[in-house]
Amino acid sequence: MASGGRILHHLFRRLPDPKATIIFPGYQGAGTLGYVLVHDAHQVRIMGDNIPVKATIVNLSGSARTPTTTNCSAGSERSTEAASYAVHGEPESAAALVEMAESGFGWQADVAHRGTTATI
């Protein structure tokens, strides 16, 4: 739901990047930042700053506006050269998301680990 913690820092840095794809793998509760993002926000407020939303936002749980796991074309147009990282969730869920990114979209993907960095 992107309500607090390190995800805010990830979103702060990635949302303005039109080459980034932010994937929400599940339900986003009404009133949360995640909900606002999957419902076409053009700008959000994070940590006191207004952040433009230029990244592709993909909602895997699906709704009237967003694709589902079987019809997720919005984020699949990105380059297969870029890497994807699952940065949140239980290890089993993160591993399943990585598997879907690799097999479903042909993306290079991995589960993020503490102490590692990447330049995406």
N, C-alpha and C. Protein backbone atom coordinates (compact mmCIF):
# COMPACT_ATOMS: atom_id res chain seq x y z
N MET A 1 0.81 -1.18 0.00
CA MET A 1 0.00 0.00 0.00
C MET A 1 0.86 1.25 0.00
N ALA A 2 2.17 1.05 0.16
CA ALA A 2 3.12 2.15 0.06
C ALA A 2 2.82 3.25 1.07
N SER A 3 2.52 2.85 2.29
CA SER A 3 2.12 3.83 3.31
C SER A 3 3.27 4.33 4.17
N GLY A 4 4.38 3.62 4.20
CA GLY A 4 5.50 4.06 5.03
C GLY A 4 6.68 3.14 4.87
N GLY A 5 7.80 3.54 5.44
CA GLY A 5 9.00 2.72 5.38
C GLY A 5 9.83 2.97 4.14
N ARG A 6 10.68 2.01 3.84
CA ARG A 6 11.65 2.18 2.76
C ARG A 6 11.02 2.29 1.37
N ILE A 7 9.78 1.78 1.21
CA ILE A 7 9.15 1.89 -0.10
C ILE A 7 8.96 3.34 -0.50
N LEU A 8 8.76 4.22 0.48
CA LEU A 8 8.61 5.64 0.17
C LEU A 8 9.88 6.19 -0.47
N HIS A 9 11.03 5.75 0.01
CA HIS A 9 12.30 6.20 -0.57
C HIS A 9 12.48 5.66 -1.99
N HIS A 10 12.09 4.39 -2.21
CA HIS A 10 12.16 3.82 -3.56
C HIS A 10 11.25 4.59 -4.51
N LEU A 11 10.04 4.85 -4.09
CA LEU A 11 9.10 5.58 -4.94
C LEU A 11 9.56 7.01 -5.18
N PHE A 12 10.08 7.65 -4.15
CA PHE A 12 10.59 9.02 -4.26
C PHE A 12 11.62 9.12 -5.38
N ARG A 13 12.49 8.12 -5.45
CA ARG A 13 13.56 8.12 -6.45
C ARG A 13 13.12 7.63 -7.82
N ARG A 14 12.16 6.70 -7.89
CA ARG A 14 11.82 6.05 -9.16
C ARG A 14 10.62 6.64 -9.88
N LEU A 15 9.67 7.20 -9.15
CA LEU A 15 8.46 7.70 -9.81
C LEU A 15 8.73 8.76 -10.89
N PRO A 16 9.70 9.66 -10.72
CA PRO A 16 9.94 10.66 -11.78
C PRO A 16 10.64 10.10 -13.03
N ASP A 17 11.07 8.86 -12.99
CA ASP A 17 11.84 8.27 -14.08
C ASP A 17 10.91 7.58 -15.08
N PRO A 18 10.80 8.11 -16.30
CA PRO A 18 9.91 7.49 -17.29
C PRO A 18 10.38 6.11 -17.74
N LYS A 19 11.61 5.72 -17.42
CA LYS A 19 12.11 4.39 -17.78
C LYS A 19 11.77 3.36 -16.70
N ALA A 20 11.29 3.81 -15.55
CA ALA A 20 10.99 2.91 -14.43
C ALA A 20 9.59 2.33 -14.56
N THR A 21 9.43 1.12 -14.04
CA THR A 21 8.12 0.48 -13.94
C THR A 21 7.92 0.10 -12.48
N ILE A 22 6.84 0.56 -11.89
CA ILE A 22 6.51 0.24 -10.51
C ILE A 22 5.36 -0.77 -10.56
N ILE A 23 5.57 -1.93 -9.95
CA ILE A 23 4.57 -3.00 -9.99
C ILE A 23 3.94 -3.15 -8.61
N PHE A 24 2.63 -3.04 -8.55
CA PHE A 24 1.88 -3.31 -7.33
C PHE A 24 1.25 -4.68 -7.49
N PRO A 25 1.76 -5.69 -6.76
CA PRO A 25 1.30 -7.07 -6.97
C PRO A 25 -0.03 -7.40 -6.30
N GLY A 26 -0.56 -6.52 -5.49
CA GLY A 26 -1.80 -6.86 -4.80
C GLY A 26 -2.70 -5.66 -4.57
N TYR A 27 -3.72 -5.90 -3.79
CA TYR A 27 -4.74 -4.91 -3.48
C TYR A 27 -4.12 -3.67 -2.85
N GLN A 28 -4.61 -2.49 -3.25
CA GLN A 28 -4.19 -1.22 -2.67
C GLN A 28 -5.41 -0.58 -2.01
N GLY A 29 -5.35 -0.45 -0.69
CA GLY A 29 -6.47 0.08 0.07
C GLY A 29 -6.77 1.54 -0.26
N ALA A 30 -8.04 1.88 -0.27
CA ALA A 30 -8.47 3.26 -0.54
C ALA A 30 -7.78 4.22 0.42
N GLY A 31 -7.33 5.35 -0.13
CA GLY A 31 -6.69 6.37 0.68
C GLY A 31 -5.19 6.21 0.84
N THR A 32 -4.63 5.10 0.35
CA THR A 32 -3.18 4.89 0.46
C THR A 32 -2.47 5.43 -0.77
N LEU A 33 -1.17 5.64 -0.64
CA LEU A 33 -0.37 6.10 -1.77
C LEU A 33 -0.45 5.09 -2.92
N GLY A 34 -0.41 3.80 -2.60
CA GLY A 34 -0.52 2.77 -3.64
C GLY A 34 -1.82 2.90 -4.41
N TYR A 35 -2.90 3.14 -3.72
CA TYR A 35 -4.21 3.31 -4.36
C TYR A 35 -4.20 4.50 -5.30
N VAL A 36 -3.65 5.62 -4.84
CA VAL A 36 -3.58 6.83 -5.66
C VAL A 36 -2.75 6.56 -6.91
N LEU A 37 -1.63 5.85 -6.78
CA LEU A 37 -0.77 5.58 -7.92
C LEU A 37 -1.42 4.68 -8.96
N VAL A 38 -2.13 3.64 -8.52
CA VAL A 38 -2.75 2.73 -9.50
C VAL A 38 -4.01 3.33 -10.11
N HIS A 39 -4.43 4.48 -9.62
CA HIS A 39 -5.60 5.15 -10.19
C HIS A 39 -5.20 6.45 -10.89
N ASP A 40 -4.09 6.39 -11.63
CA ASP A 40 -3.68 7.45 -12.57
C ASP A 40 -3.22 8.77 -11.97
N ALA A 41 -2.56 8.76 -10.84
CA ALA A 41 -2.02 10.01 -10.30
C ALA A 41 -0.93 10.56 -11.23
N HIS A 42 -0.92 11.85 -11.43
CA HIS A 42 0.12 12.49 -12.23
C HIS A 42 1.19 13.10 -11.34
N GLN A 43 0.85 13.27 -10.06
CA GLN A 43 1.78 13.82 -9.07
C GLN A 43 1.34 13.33 -7.70
N VAL A 44 2.31 13.01 -6.84
CA VAL A 44 2.00 12.59 -5.47
C VAL A 44 2.91 13.34 -4.50
N ARG A 45 2.51 13.37 -3.26
CA ARG A 45 3.32 14.02 -2.23
C ARG A 45 3.97 12.93 -1.38
N ILE A 46 5.30 12.92 -1.37
CA ILE A 46 6.06 11.95 -0.59
C ILE A 46 7.08 12.70 0.24
N MET A 47 7.09 12.47 1.54
CA MET A 47 8.05 13.08 2.47
C MET A 47 8.10 14.61 2.29
N GLY A 48 6.93 15.21 2.08
CA GLY A 48 6.85 16.66 1.98
C GLY A 48 7.13 17.25 0.61
N ASP A 49 7.50 16.44 -0.36
CA ASP A 49 7.80 16.93 -1.71
C ASP A 49 6.75 16.45 -2.70
N ASN A 50 6.43 17.29 -3.67
CA ASN A 50 5.56 16.89 -4.76
C ASN A 50 6.40 16.17 -5.81
N ILE A 51 6.04 14.94 -6.11
CA ILE A 51 6.81 14.09 -7.02
C ILE A 51 5.98 13.82 -8.27
N PRO A 52 6.52 14.14 -9.46
CA PRO A 52 5.80 13.81 -10.68
C PRO A 52 5.82 12.30 -10.92
N VAL A 53 4.72 11.76 -11.41
CA VAL A 53 4.62 10.33 -11.70
C VAL A 53 4.84 10.15 -13.20
N LYS A 54 6.07 9.76 -13.55
CA LYS A 54 6.40 9.52 -14.95
C LYS A 54 6.69 8.05 -15.21
N ALA A 55 6.86 7.28 -14.15
CA ALA A 55 7.10 5.84 -14.27
C ALA A 55 5.82 5.15 -14.73
N THR A 56 5.97 3.98 -15.35
CA THR A 56 4.81 3.14 -15.67
C THR A 56 4.34 2.48 -14.39
N ILE A 57 3.06 2.56 -14.11
CA ILE A 57 2.49 1.93 -12.92
C ILE A 57 1.68 0.73 -13.38
N VAL A 58 1.97 -0.45 -12.81
CA VAL A 58 1.28 -1.69 -13.16
C VAL A 58 0.64 -2.25 -11.90
N ASN A 59 -0.64 -2.55 -11.97
CA ASN A 59 -1.36 -3.13 -10.85
C ASN A 59 -1.73 -4.56 -11.22
N LEU A 60 -1.06 -5.53 -10.63
CA LEU A 60 -1.30 -6.92 -11.00
C LEU A 60 -2.59 -7.49 -10.44
N SER A 61 -3.19 -6.82 -9.47
CA SER A 61 -4.47 -7.34 -8.95
C SER A 61 -5.61 -7.00 -9.89
N GLY A 62 -5.41 -6.03 -10.78
CA GLY A 62 -6.39 -5.69 -11.80
C GLY A 62 -7.54 -4.85 -11.29
N SER A 63 -8.06 -4.04 -12.16
CA SER A 63 -9.25 -3.24 -11.89
C SER A 63 -9.76 -2.78 -13.25
N ALA A 64 -10.72 -1.90 -13.24
CA ALA A 64 -11.27 -1.43 -14.51
C ALA A 64 -10.22 -0.67 -15.32
N ARG A 65 -9.25 -0.04 -14.66
CA ARG A 65 -8.27 0.79 -15.34
C ARG A 65 -6.95 0.08 -15.59
N THR A 66 -6.66 -0.91 -14.81
CA THR A 66 -5.32 -1.49 -14.85
C THR A 66 -5.32 -2.92 -15.36
N PRO A 67 -4.18 -3.37 -15.88
CA PRO A 67 -4.10 -4.74 -16.40
C PRO A 67 -4.04 -5.77 -15.28
N THR A 68 -4.29 -7.00 -15.63
CA THR A 68 -4.15 -8.10 -14.69
C THR A 68 -2.89 -8.87 -15.05
N THR A 69 -2.60 -9.92 -14.32
CA THR A 69 -1.40 -10.71 -14.60
C THR A 69 -1.46 -11.36 -15.97
N THR A 70 -2.64 -11.59 -16.50
CA THR A 70 -2.74 -12.22 -17.81
C THR A 70 -2.78 -11.21 -18.95
N ASN A 71 -2.94 -9.93 -18.62
CA ASN A 71 -2.99 -8.90 -19.65
C ASN A 71 -2.20 -7.69 -19.18
N CYS A 72 -0.94 -7.88 -18.92
CA CYS A 72 -0.10 -6.84 -18.34
C CYS A 72 0.83 -6.26 -19.40
N SER A 73 0.27 -5.57 -20.38
CA SER A 73 1.08 -5.06 -21.47
C SER A 73 1.71 -3.71 -21.17
N ALA A 74 1.16 -2.93 -20.25
CA ALA A 74 1.66 -1.58 -19.99
C ALA A 74 3.12 -1.59 -19.58
N GLY A 75 3.50 -2.49 -18.71
CA GLY A 75 4.88 -2.53 -18.26
C GLY A 75 5.77 -3.43 -19.08
N SER A 76 5.19 -4.23 -19.98
CA SER A 76 5.99 -5.19 -20.72
C SER A 76 6.73 -4.56 -21.89
N GLU A 77 6.48 -3.29 -22.19
CA GLU A 77 7.15 -2.63 -23.30
C GLU A 77 8.55 -2.17 -22.95
N ARG A 78 8.90 -2.20 -21.70
CA ARG A 78 10.21 -1.71 -21.29
C ARG A 78 11.31 -2.65 -21.77
N SER A 79 12.49 -2.15 -21.79
CA SER A 79 13.63 -2.89 -22.30
C SER A 79 13.93 -4.13 -21.46
N THR A 80 14.26 -5.22 -22.11
CA THR A 80 14.67 -6.42 -21.38
C THR A 80 16.10 -6.28 -20.87
N GLU A 81 16.79 -5.22 -21.25
CA GLU A 81 18.15 -4.97 -20.75
C GLU A 81 18.14 -4.49 -19.31
N ALA A 82 17.07 -3.84 -18.88
CA ALA A 82 16.99 -3.30 -17.53
C ALA A 82 16.72 -4.41 -16.53
N ALA A 83 17.12 -4.19 -15.30
CA ALA A 83 16.89 -5.17 -14.24
C ALA A 83 15.67 -4.78 -13.42
N SER A 84 14.98 -5.77 -12.86
CA SER A 84 13.85 -5.57 -11.97
C SER A 84 14.19 -6.18 -10.63
N TYR A 85 13.76 -5.51 -9.56
CA TYR A 85 14.02 -6.01 -8.21
C TYR A 85 12.74 -6.02 -7.40
N ALA A 86 12.45 -7.14 -6.77
CA ALA A 86 11.35 -7.23 -5.81
C ALA A 86 11.92 -6.69 -4.50
N VAL A 87 11.34 -5.59 -4.00
CA VAL A 87 11.93 -4.91 -2.83
C VAL A 87 11.05 -5.01 -1.60
N HIS A 88 9.94 -5.71 -1.67
CA HIS A 88 9.04 -5.75 -0.53
C HIS A 88 8.29 -7.06 -0.52
N GLY A 89 7.89 -7.50 0.65
CA GLY A 89 7.09 -8.70 0.76
C GLY A 89 7.86 -9.86 1.36
N GLU A 90 7.14 -10.93 1.65
CA GLU A 90 7.74 -12.13 2.20
C GLU A 90 8.62 -12.78 1.13
N PRO A 91 9.66 -13.52 1.53
CA PRO A 91 10.58 -14.12 0.56
C PRO A 91 9.89 -14.95 -0.52
N GLU A 92 8.89 -15.74 -0.14
CA GLU A 92 8.20 -16.58 -1.11
C GLU A 92 7.43 -15.73 -2.13
N SER A 93 6.80 -14.67 -1.66
CA SER A 93 6.05 -13.79 -2.55
C SER A 93 6.98 -13.04 -3.48
N ALA A 94 8.10 -12.56 -2.94
CA ALA A 94 9.07 -11.84 -3.77
C ALA A 94 9.64 -12.77 -4.84
N ALA A 95 9.94 -14.01 -4.47
CA ALA A 95 10.47 -14.97 -5.44
C ALA A 95 9.45 -15.27 -6.53
N ALA A 96 8.17 -15.35 -6.17
CA ALA A 96 7.12 -15.60 -7.17
C ALA A 96 7.00 -14.42 -8.12
N LEU A 97 7.14 -13.20 -7.61
CA LEU A 97 7.08 -12.02 -8.46
C LEU A 97 8.26 -11.99 -9.43
N VAL A 98 9.44 -12.36 -8.95
CA VAL A 98 10.63 -12.43 -9.81
C VAL A 98 10.41 -13.46 -10.91
N GLU A 99 9.87 -14.61 -10.57
CA GLU A 99 9.60 -15.66 -11.56
C GLU A 99 8.63 -15.17 -12.63
N MET A 100 7.59 -14.45 -12.20
CA MET A 100 6.62 -13.92 -13.16
C MET A 100 7.27 -12.88 -14.08
N ALA A 101 8.10 -12.02 -13.53
CA ALA A 101 8.78 -10.99 -14.33
C ALA A 101 9.68 -11.63 -15.38
N GLU A 102 10.39 -12.68 -14.97
CA GLU A 102 11.31 -13.35 -15.90
C GLU A 102 10.57 -14.17 -16.95
N SER A 103 9.65 -15.02 -16.51
CA SER A 103 8.99 -15.91 -17.47
C SER A 103 7.87 -15.20 -18.23
N GLY A 104 7.15 -14.33 -17.57
CA GLY A 104 6.01 -13.67 -18.22
C GLY A 104 6.38 -12.51 -19.11
N PHE A 105 7.43 -11.75 -18.73
CA PHE A 105 7.78 -10.55 -19.46
C PHE A 105 9.18 -10.58 -20.06
N GLY A 106 9.98 -11.60 -19.70
CA GLY A 106 11.34 -11.67 -20.21
C GLY A 106 12.27 -10.66 -19.58
N TRP A 107 11.91 -10.15 -18.38
CA TRP A 107 12.74 -9.17 -17.69
C TRP A 107 13.81 -9.88 -16.87
N GLN A 108 14.96 -9.28 -16.74
CA GLN A 108 15.98 -9.74 -15.79
C GLN A 108 15.49 -9.30 -14.42
N ALA A 109 15.35 -10.23 -13.47
CA ALA A 109 14.78 -9.89 -12.18
C ALA A 109 15.49 -10.62 -11.05
N ASP A 110 15.40 -10.05 -9.85
CA ASP A 110 15.99 -10.66 -8.67
C ASP A 110 15.29 -10.09 -7.44
N VAL A 111 15.41 -10.79 -6.32
CA VAL A 111 14.92 -10.28 -5.05
C VAL A 111 16.03 -9.40 -4.48
N ALA A 112 15.67 -8.18 -4.08
CA ALA A 112 16.66 -7.28 -3.48
C ALA A 112 17.10 -7.82 -2.13
N HIS A 113 18.37 -7.66 -1.83
CA HIS A 113 18.92 -8.14 -0.56
C HIS A 113 19.59 -6.99 0.18
N ARG A 114 19.50 -7.00 1.49
CA ARG A 114 20.10 -5.96 2.31
C ARG A 114 21.60 -5.84 2.01
N GLY A 115 22.04 -4.60 1.87
CA GLY A 115 23.45 -4.35 1.66
C GLY A 115 23.89 -4.34 0.21
N THR A 116 22.97 -4.60 -0.72
CA THR A 116 23.32 -4.58 -2.12
C THR A 116 22.72 -3.34 -2.78
N THR A 117 23.35 -2.88 -3.82
CA THR A 117 22.83 -1.73 -4.56
C THR A 117 22.84 -2.06 -6.04
N ALA A 118 22.06 -1.32 -6.79
CA ALA A 118 22.01 -1.50 -8.23
C ALA A 118 21.81 -0.13 -8.86
N THR A 119 22.29 0.01 -10.07
CA THR A 119 22.05 1.24 -10.82
C THR A 119 21.14 0.90 -11.97
N ILE A 120 19.89 1.12 -11.75
CA ILE A 120 18.87 0.85 -12.77
C ILE A 120 18.63 2.12 -13.52
